[in-house]
Amino acid sequence: MRITIYTRNNCIQCHATKRAMESRGFDFEMVNLDQHPEMADTLREQGFRQLPVVIAGDTRWSGFRPDMINRLRPDAIAAHA
């Protein structure tokens, strides 16, 4: 599954999401909206109003959501409990 995290510089929730993904062993791509401002309009058109935006297959959310990160791979909960 491909995971993309849309972020900005100095975004606390973005950094927390990145750390949570790394600690669970996920591979992901980061797209920094400070470097790619055209993507901000695309995300707004999709209804997102805060960062980070995480797109993992058909699963999408915004903000720091450890509950959603854990749902991406249920065995990660037991392995990191």
PDB file of N, CA and C in Angstrom:
ATOM      1  N   MET A   1       0.849  -1.178   0.000  1.00  0.00           N
ATOM      2  CA  MET A   1       0.000   0.000   0.000  1.00  0.00           C
ATOM      3  C   MET A   1       0.894   1.241   0.000  1.00  0.00           C
ATOM      4  N   ARG A   2       0.557   2.176  -0.837  1.00  0.00           N
ATOM      5  CA  ARG A   2       1.301   3.433  -0.908  1.00  0.00           C
ATOM      6  C   ARG A   2       0.716   4.420   0.105  1.00  0.00           C
ATOM      7  N   ILE A   3       1.588   5.041   0.887  1.00  0.00           N
ATOM      8  CA  ILE A   3       1.174   6.029   1.883  1.00  0.00           C
ATOM      9  C   ILE A   3       1.835   7.355   1.541  1.00  0.00           C
ATOM     10  N   THR A   4       1.029   8.410   1.453  1.00  0.00           N
ATOM     11  CA  THR A   4       1.541   9.756   1.206  1.00  0.00           C
ATOM     12  C   THR A   4       1.077  10.655   2.337  1.00  0.00           C
ATOM     13  N   ILE A   5       2.006  11.434   2.886  1.00  0.00           N
ATOM     14  CA  ILE A   5       1.694  12.393   3.948  1.00  0.00           C
ATOM     15  C   ILE A   5       1.970  13.788   3.400  1.00  0.00           C
ATOM     16  N   TYR A   6       0.939  14.621   3.394  1.00  0.00           N
ATOM     17  CA  TYR A   6       1.067  16.017   2.967  1.00  0.00           C
ATOM     18  C   TYR A   6       1.301  16.855   4.212  1.00  0.00           C
ATOM     19  N   THR A   7       2.349  17.659   4.191  1.00  0.00           N
ATOM     20  CA  THR A   7       2.821  18.360   5.375  1.00  0.00           C
ATOM     21  C   THR A   7       3.278  19.772   5.034  1.00  0.00           C
ATOM     22  N   ARG A   8       3.665  20.510   6.043  1.00  0.00           N
ATOM     23  CA  ARG A   8       4.312  21.824   5.899  1.00  0.00           C
ATOM     24  C   ARG A   8       5.455  21.900   6.902  1.00  0.00           C
ATOM     25  N   ASN A   9       6.346  22.842   6.681  1.00  0.00           N
ATOM     26  CA  ASN A   9       7.411  23.090   7.649  1.00  0.00           C
ATOM     27  C   ASN A   9       6.787  23.548   8.969  1.00  0.00           C
ATOM     28  N   ASN A  10       7.409  23.190  10.061  1.00  0.00           N
ATOM     29  CA  ASN A  10       7.001  23.652  11.399  1.00  0.00           C
ATOM     30  C   ASN A  10       5.584  23.234  11.781  1.00  0.00           C
ATOM     31  N   CYS A  11       5.095  22.114  11.275  1.00  0.00           N
ATOM     32  CA  CYS A  11       3.766  21.594  11.608  1.00  0.00           C
ATOM     33  C   CYS A  11       3.937  20.507  12.669  1.00  0.00           C
ATOM     34  N   ILE A  12       3.519  20.784  13.886  1.00  0.00           N
ATOM     35  CA  ILE A  12       3.711  19.850  14.999  1.00  0.00           C
ATOM     36  C   ILE A  12       2.968  18.538  14.757  1.00  0.00           C
ATOM     37  N   GLN A  13       1.712  18.624  14.300  1.00  0.00           N
ATOM     38  CA  GLN A  13       0.949  17.399  14.039  1.00  0.00           C
ATOM     39  C   GLN A  13       1.573  16.587  12.900  1.00  0.00           C
ATOM     40  N   CYS A  14       2.158  17.281  11.932  1.00  0.00           N
ATOM     41  CA  CYS A  14       2.830  16.592  10.822  1.00  0.00           C
ATOM     42  C   CYS A  14       4.031  15.801  11.334  1.00  0.00           C
ATOM     43  N   HIS A  15       4.826  16.423  12.198  1.00  0.00           N
ATOM     44  CA  HIS A  15       5.996  15.747  12.753  1.00  0.00           C
ATOM     45  C   HIS A  15       5.575  14.553  13.603  1.00  0.00           C
ATOM     46  N   ALA A  16       4.502  14.705  14.369  1.00  0.00           N
ATOM     47  CA  ALA A  16       4.012  13.603  15.194  1.00  0.00           C
ATOM     48  C   ALA A  16       3.541  12.440  14.327  1.00  0.00           C
ATOM     49  N   THR A  17       2.877  12.748  13.232  1.00  0.00           N
ATOM     50  CA  THR A  17       2.412  11.698  12.318  1.00  0.00           C
ATOM     51  C   THR A  17       3.598  10.973  11.699  1.00  0.00           C
ATOM     52  N   LYS A  18       4.600  11.724  11.262  1.00  0.00           N
ATOM     53  CA  LYS A  18       5.798  11.119  10.678  1.00  0.00           C
ATOM     54  C   LYS A  18       6.478  10.193  11.679  1.00  0.00           C
ATOM     55  N   ARG A  19       6.648  10.654  12.915  1.00  0.00           N
ATOM     56  CA  ARG A  19       7.291   9.824  13.940  1.00  0.00           C
ATOM     57  C   ARG A  19       6.482   8.558  14.215  1.00  0.00           C
ATOM     58  N   ALA A  20       5.157   8.683  14.279  1.00  0.00           N
ATOM     59  CA  ALA A  20       4.307   7.515  14.531  1.00  0.00           C
ATOM     60  C   ALA A  20       4.402   6.508  13.388  1.00  0.00           C
ATOM     61  N   MET A  21       4.416   6.996  12.171  1.00  0.00           N
ATOM     62  CA  MET A  21       4.539   6.106  11.012  1.00  0.00           C
ATOM     63  C   MET A  21       5.900   5.398  11.025  1.00  0.00           C
ATOM     64  N   GLU A  22       6.958   6.150  11.316  1.00  0.00           N
ATOM     65  CA  GLU A  22       8.298   5.559  11.364  1.00  0.00           C
ATOM     66  C   GLU A  22       8.399   4.516  12.463  1.00  0.00           C
ATOM     67  N   SER A  23       7.839   4.806  13.633  1.00  0.00           N
ATOM     68  CA  SER A  23       7.939   3.868  14.755  1.00  0.00           C
ATOM     69  C   SER A  23       7.196   2.565  14.489  1.00  0.00           C
ATOM     70  N   ARG A  24       6.222   2.601  13.579  1.00  0.00           N
ATOM     71  CA  ARG A  24       5.463   1.392  13.229  1.00  0.00           C
ATOM     72  C   ARG A  24       6.022   0.694  11.988  1.00  0.00           C
ATOM     73  N   GLY A  25       7.080   1.260  11.435  1.00  0.00           N
ATOM     74  CA  GLY A  25       7.757   0.620  10.326  1.00  0.00           C
ATOM     75  C   GLY A  25       7.127   0.836   8.959  1.00  0.00           C
ATOM     76  N   PHE A  26       6.292   1.856   8.814  1.00  0.00           N
ATOM     77  CA  PHE A  26       5.664   2.122   7.526  1.00  0.00           C
ATOM     78  C   PHE A  26       6.610   2.862   6.595  1.00  0.00           C
ATOM     79  N   ASP A  27       6.560   2.523   5.327  1.00  0.00           N
ATOM     80  CA  ASP A  27       7.233   3.294   4.287  1.00  0.00           C
ATOM     81  C   ASP A  27       6.224   4.303   3.774  1.00  0.00           C
ATOM     82  N   PHE A  28       6.662   5.529   3.594  1.00  0.00           N
ATOM     83  CA  PHE A  28       5.746   6.569   3.136  1.00  0.00           C
ATOM     84  C   PHE A  28       6.509   7.634   2.388  1.00  0.00           C
ATOM     85  N   GLU A  29       5.752   8.405   1.633  1.00  0.00           N
ATOM     86  CA  GLU A  29       6.292   9.541   0.898  1.00  0.00           C
ATOM     87  C   GLU A  29       5.778  10.811   1.568  1.00  0.00           C
ATOM     88  N   MET A  30       6.652  11.794   1.714  1.00  0.00           N
ATOM     89  CA  MET A  30       6.257  13.084   2.279  1.00  0.00           C
ATOM     90  C   MET A  30       6.180  14.094   1.134  1.00  0.00           C
ATOM     91  N   VAL A  31       5.083  14.880   1.121  1.00  0.00           N
ATOM     92  CA  VAL A  31       4.937  15.968   0.160  1.00  0.00           C
ATOM     93  C   VAL A  31       4.793  17.245   0.967  1.00  0.00           C
ATOM     94  N   ASN A  32       5.791  18.112   0.878  1.00  0.00           N
ATOM     95  CA  ASN A  32       5.802  19.350   1.644  1.00  0.00           C
ATOM     96  C   ASN A  32       5.101  20.443   0.835  1.00  0.00           C
ATOM     97  N   LEU A  33       3.996  20.958   1.381  1.00  0.00           N
ATOM     98  CA  LEU A  33       3.219  21.973   0.671  1.00  0.00           C
ATOM     99  C   LEU A  33       3.942  23.316   0.595  1.00  0.00           C
ATOM    100  N   ASP A  34       4.947  23.536   1.434  1.00  0.00           N
ATOM    101  CA  ASP A  34       5.756  24.744   1.304  1.00  0.00           C
ATOM    102  C   ASP A  34       6.585  24.685   0.014  1.00  0.00           C
ATOM    103  N   GLN A  35       6.920  23.469  -0.410  1.00  0.00           N
ATOM    104  CA  GLN A  35       7.687  23.284  -1.637  1.00  0.00           C
ATOM    105  C   GLN A  35       6.792  23.021  -2.844  1.00  0.00           C
ATOM    106  N   HIS A  36       5.549  22.579  -2.592  1.00  0.00           N
ATOM    107  CA  HIS A  36       4.589  22.268  -3.661  1.00  0.00           C
ATOM    108  C   HIS A  36       3.246  22.925  -3.346  1.00  0.00           C
ATOM    109  N   PRO A  37       3.181  24.268  -3.362  1.00  0.00           N
ATOM    110  CA  PRO A  37       1.955  24.970  -2.944  1.00  0.00           C
ATOM    111  C   PRO A  37       0.736  24.658  -3.809  1.00  0.00           C
ATOM    112  N   GLU A  38       0.938  24.214  -5.029  1.00  0.00           N
ATOM    113  CA  GLU A  38      -0.190  23.880  -5.897  1.00  0.00           C
ATOM    114  C   GLU A  38      -1.011  22.712  -5.339  1.00  0.00           C
ATOM    115  N   MET A  39      -0.405  21.874  -4.523  1.00  0.00           N
ATOM    116  CA  MET A  39      -1.116  20.734  -3.943  1.00  0.00           C
ATOM    117  C   MET A  39      -2.125  21.161  -2.879  1.00  0.00           C
ATOM    118  N   ALA A  40      -1.932  22.332  -2.267  1.00  0.00           N
ATOM    119  CA  ALA A  40      -2.858  22.803  -1.228  1.00  0.00           C
ATOM    120  C   ALA A  40      -4.260  22.968  -1.791  1.00  0.00           C
ATOM    121  N   ASP A  41      -4.380  23.510  -2.993  1.00  0.00           N
ATOM    122  CA  ASP A  41      -5.698  23.675  -3.616  1.00  0.00           C
ATOM    123  C   ASP A  41      -6.347  22.323  -3.881  1.00  0.00           C
ATOM    124  N   THR A  42      -5.566  21.376  -4.332  1.00  0.00           N
ATOM    125  CA  THR A  42      -6.095  20.034  -4.597  1.00  0.00           C
ATOM    126  C   THR A  42      -6.649  19.409  -3.318  1.00  0.00           C
ATOM    127  N   LEU A  43      -5.919  19.546  -2.220  1.00  0.00           N
ATOM    128  CA  LEU A  43      -6.384  18.982  -0.947  1.00  0.00           C
ATOM    129  C   LEU A  43      -7.637  19.695  -0.457  1.00  0.00           C
ATOM    130  N   ARG A  44      -7.686  21.021  -0.607  1.00  0.00           N
ATOM    131  CA  ARG A  44      -8.891  21.770  -0.205  1.00  0.00           C
ATOM    132  C   ARG A  44     -10.104  21.327  -1.011  1.00  0.00           C
ATOM    133  N   GLU A  45      -9.913  21.094  -2.313  1.00  0.00           N
ATOM    134  CA  GLU A  45     -11.000  20.629  -3.169  1.00  0.00           C
ATOM    135  C   GLU A  45     -11.527  19.267  -2.712  1.00  0.00           C
ATOM    136  N   GLN A  46     -10.676  18.480  -2.081  1.00  0.00           N
ATOM    137  CA  GLN A  46     -11.078  17.167  -1.564  1.00  0.00           C
ATOM    138  C   GLN A  46     -11.695  17.268  -0.174  1.00  0.00           C
ATOM    139  N   GLY A  47     -11.788  18.496   0.365  1.00  0.00           N
ATOM    140  CA  GLY A  47     -12.444  18.709   1.646  1.00  0.00           C
ATOM    141  C   GLY A  47     -11.525  18.777   2.852  1.00  0.00           C
ATOM    142  N   PHE A  48     -10.227  18.693   2.647  1.00  0.00           N
ATOM    143  CA  PHE A  48      -9.296  18.748   3.767  1.00  0.00           C
ATOM    144  C   PHE A  48      -9.037  20.190   4.168  1.00  0.00           C
ATOM    145  N   ARG A  49      -9.023  20.439   5.487  1.00  0.00           N
ATOM    146  CA  ARG A  49      -8.831  21.796   5.993  1.00  0.00           C
ATOM    147  C   ARG A  49      -7.672  21.916   6.977  1.00  0.00           C
ATOM    148  N   GLN A  50      -7.020  20.798   7.301  1.00  0.00           N
ATOM    149  CA  GLN A  50      -5.881  20.847   8.218  1.00  0.00           C
ATOM    150  C   GLN A  50      -4.840  19.831   7.781  1.00  0.00           C
ATOM    151  N   LEU A  51      -3.638  20.015   8.286  1.00  0.00           N
ATOM    152  CA  LEU A  51      -2.534  19.110   7.995  1.00  0.00           C
ATOM    153  C   LEU A  51      -2.153  18.352   9.249  1.00  0.00           C
ATOM    154  N   PRO A  52      -1.507  17.236   9.094  1.00  0.00           N
ATOM    155  CA  PRO A  52      -1.173  16.593   7.836  1.00  0.00           C
ATOM    156  C   PRO A  52      -2.397  15.939   7.205  1.00  0.00           C
ATOM    157  N   VAL A  53      -2.308  15.696   5.928  1.00  0.00           N
ATOM    158  CA  VAL A  53      -3.279  14.861   5.225  1.00  0.00           C
ATOM    159  C   VAL A  53      -2.546  13.571   4.897  1.00  0.00           C
ATOM    160  N   VAL A  54      -3.156  12.451   5.291  1.00  0.00           N
ATOM    161  CA  VAL A  54      -2.568  11.140   5.028  1.00  0.00           C
ATOM    162  C   VAL A  54      -3.472  10.413   4.043  1.00  0.00           C
ATOM    163  N   ILE A  55      -2.873   9.915   2.985  1.00  0.00           N
ATOM    164  CA  ILE A  55      -3.600   9.110   2.005  1.00  0.00           C
ATOM    165  C   ILE A  55      -2.891   7.763   1.938  1.00  0.00           C
ATOM    166  N   ALA A  56      -3.622   6.734   2.358  1.00  0.00           N
ATOM    167  CA  ALA A  56      -3.084   5.371   2.398  1.00  0.00           C
ATOM    168  C   ALA A  56      -4.082   4.460   1.693  1.00  0.00           C
ATOM    169  N   GLY A  57      -3.867   4.255   0.415  1.00  0.00           N
ATOM    170  CA  GLY A  57      -4.834   3.481  -0.354  1.00  0.00           C
ATOM    171  C   GLY A  57      -6.162   4.222  -0.400  1.00  0.00           C
ATOM    172  N   ASP A  58      -7.234   3.535   0.005  1.00  0.00           N
ATOM    173  CA  ASP A  58      -8.566   4.149   0.040  1.00  0.00           C
ATOM    174  C   ASP A  58      -8.832   4.894   1.341  1.00  0.00           C
ATOM    175  N   THR A  59      -7.925   4.822   2.302  1.00  0.00           N
ATOM    176  CA  THR A  59      -8.090   5.461   3.603  1.00  0.00           C
ATOM    177  C   THR A  59      -7.450   6.841   3.574  1.00  0.00           C
ATOM    178  N   ARG A  60      -8.229   7.843   4.024  1.00  0.00           N
ATOM    179  CA  ARG A  60      -7.740   9.234   4.010  1.00  0.00           C
ATOM    180  C   ARG A  60      -8.187   9.939   5.276  1.00  0.00           C
ATOM    181  N   TRP A  61      -7.289  10.755   5.840  1.00  0.00           N
ATOM    182  CA  TRP A  61      -7.666  11.559   6.989  1.00  0.00           C
ATOM    183  C   TRP A  61      -6.737  12.752   7.108  1.00  0.00           C
ATOM    184  N   SER A  62      -7.107  13.675   7.985  1.00  0.00           N
ATOM    185  CA  SER A  62      -6.235  14.821   8.269  1.00  0.00           C
ATOM    186  C   SER A  62      -6.040  14.923   9.775  1.00  0.00           C
ATOM    187  N   GLY A  63      -4.945  15.578  10.153  1.00  0.00           N
ATOM    188  CA  GLY A  63      -4.605  15.735  11.561  1.00  0.00           C
ATOM    189  C   GLY A  63      -3.797  14.541  12.053  1.00  0.00           C
ATOM    190  N   PHE A  64      -3.299  14.654  13.287  1.00  0.00           N
ATOM    191  CA  PHE A  64      -2.550  13.564  13.913  1.00  0.00           C
ATOM    192  C   PHE A  64      -3.553  12.567  14.464  1.00  0.00           C
ATOM    193  N   ARG A  65      -3.618  11.382  13.858  1.00  0.00           N
ATOM    194  CA  ARG A  65      -4.622  10.375  14.207  1.00  0.00           C
ATOM    195  C   ARG A  65      -3.952   9.028  14.454  1.00  0.00           C
ATOM    196  N   PRO A  66      -3.400   8.836  15.663  1.00  0.00           N
ATOM    197  CA  PRO A  66      -2.763   7.545  15.943  1.00  0.00           C
ATOM    198  C   PRO A  66      -3.731   6.371  15.794  1.00  0.00           C
ATOM    199  N   ASP A  67      -5.017   6.605  16.063  1.00  0.00           N
ATOM    200  CA  ASP A  67      -6.001   5.530  15.892  1.00  0.00           C
ATOM    201  C   ASP A  67      -6.075   5.083  14.437  1.00  0.00           C
ATOM    202  N   MET A  68      -6.019   6.029  13.515  1.00  0.00           N
ATOM    203  CA  MET A  68      -6.063   5.683  12.094  1.00  0.00           C
ATOM    204  C   MET A  68      -4.750   5.039  11.644  1.00  0.00           C
ATOM    205  N   ILE A  69      -3.649   5.513  12.175  1.00  0.00           N
ATOM    206  CA  ILE A  69      -2.355   4.914  11.833  1.00  0.00           C
ATOM    207  C   ILE A  69      -2.347   3.448  12.272  1.00  0.00           C
ATOM    208  N   ASN A  70      -2.849   3.172  13.466  1.00  0.00           N
ATOM    209  CA  ASN A  70      -2.893   1.791  13.953  1.00  0.00           C
ATOM    210  C   ASN A  70      -3.805   0.915  13.106  1.00  0.00           C
ATOM    211  N   ARG A  71      -4.843   1.476  12.525  1.00  0.00           N
ATOM    212  CA  ARG A  71      -5.751   0.693  11.685  1.00  0.00           C
ATOM    213  C   ARG A  71      -5.117   0.274  10.363  1.00  0.00           C
ATOM    214  N   LEU A  72      -4.075   0.975   9.947  1.00  0.00           N
ATOM    215  CA  LEU A  72      -3.440   0.629   8.688  1.00  0.00           C
ATOM    216  C   LEU A  72      -2.829  -0.773   8.734  1.00  0.00           C
ATOM    217  N   ARG A  73      -2.369  -1.171   9.906  1.00  0.00           N
ATOM    218  CA  ARG A  73      -1.794  -2.508  10.071  1.00  0.00           C
ATOM    219  C   ARG A  73      -2.097  -2.954  11.489  1.00  0.00           C
ATOM    220  N   PRO A  74      -3.193  -3.665  11.692  1.00  0.00           N
ATOM    221  CA  PRO A  74      -3.615  -4.028  13.049  1.00  0.00           C
ATOM    222  C   PRO A  74      -2.543  -4.720  13.880  1.00  0.00           C
ATOM    223  N   ASP A  75      -1.651  -5.496  13.271  1.00  0.00           N
ATOM    224  CA  ASP A  75      -0.625  -6.179  14.066  1.00  0.00           C
ATOM    225  C   ASP A  75       0.381  -5.196  14.658  1.00  0.00           C
ATOM    226  N   ALA A  76       0.412  -3.954  14.161  1.00  0.00           N
ATOM    227  CA  ALA A  76       1.323  -2.942  14.713  1.00  0.00           C
ATOM    228  C   ALA A  76       0.936  -2.589  16.148  1.00  0.00           C
ATOM    229  N   ILE A  77      -0.358  -2.691  16.479  1.00  0.00           N
ATOM    230  CA  ILE A  77      -0.809  -2.372  17.837  1.00  0.00           C
ATOM    231  C   ILE A  77      -0.176  -3.351  18.823  1.00  0.00           C
ATOM    232  N   ALA A  78      -0.272  -4.652  18.539  1.00  0.00           N
ATOM    233  CA  ALA A  78       0.258  -5.653  19.434  1.00  0.00           C
ATOM    234  C   ALA A  78       1.784  -5.587  19.505  1.00  0.00           C
ATOM    235  N   ALA A  79       2.420  -5.298  18.385  1.00  0.00           N
ATOM    236  CA  ALA A  79       3.876  -5.284  18.347  1.00  0.00           C
ATOM    237  C   ALA A  79       4.466  -4.095  19.105  1.00  0.00           C
ATOM    238  N   HIS A  80       3.696  -3.021  19.252  1.00  0.00           N
ATOM    239  CA  HIS A  80       4.213  -1.819  19.902  1.00  0.00           C
ATOM    240  C   HIS A  80       3.489  -1.499  21.206  1.00  0.00           C
ATOM    241  N   ALA A  81       2.741  -2.435  21.742  1.00  0.00           N
ATOM    242  CA  ALA A  81       1.994  -2.186  22.994  1.00  0.00           C
ATOM    243  C   ALA A  81       2.894  -2.286  24.184  1.00  0.00           C
TER     244      ALA A  81
END
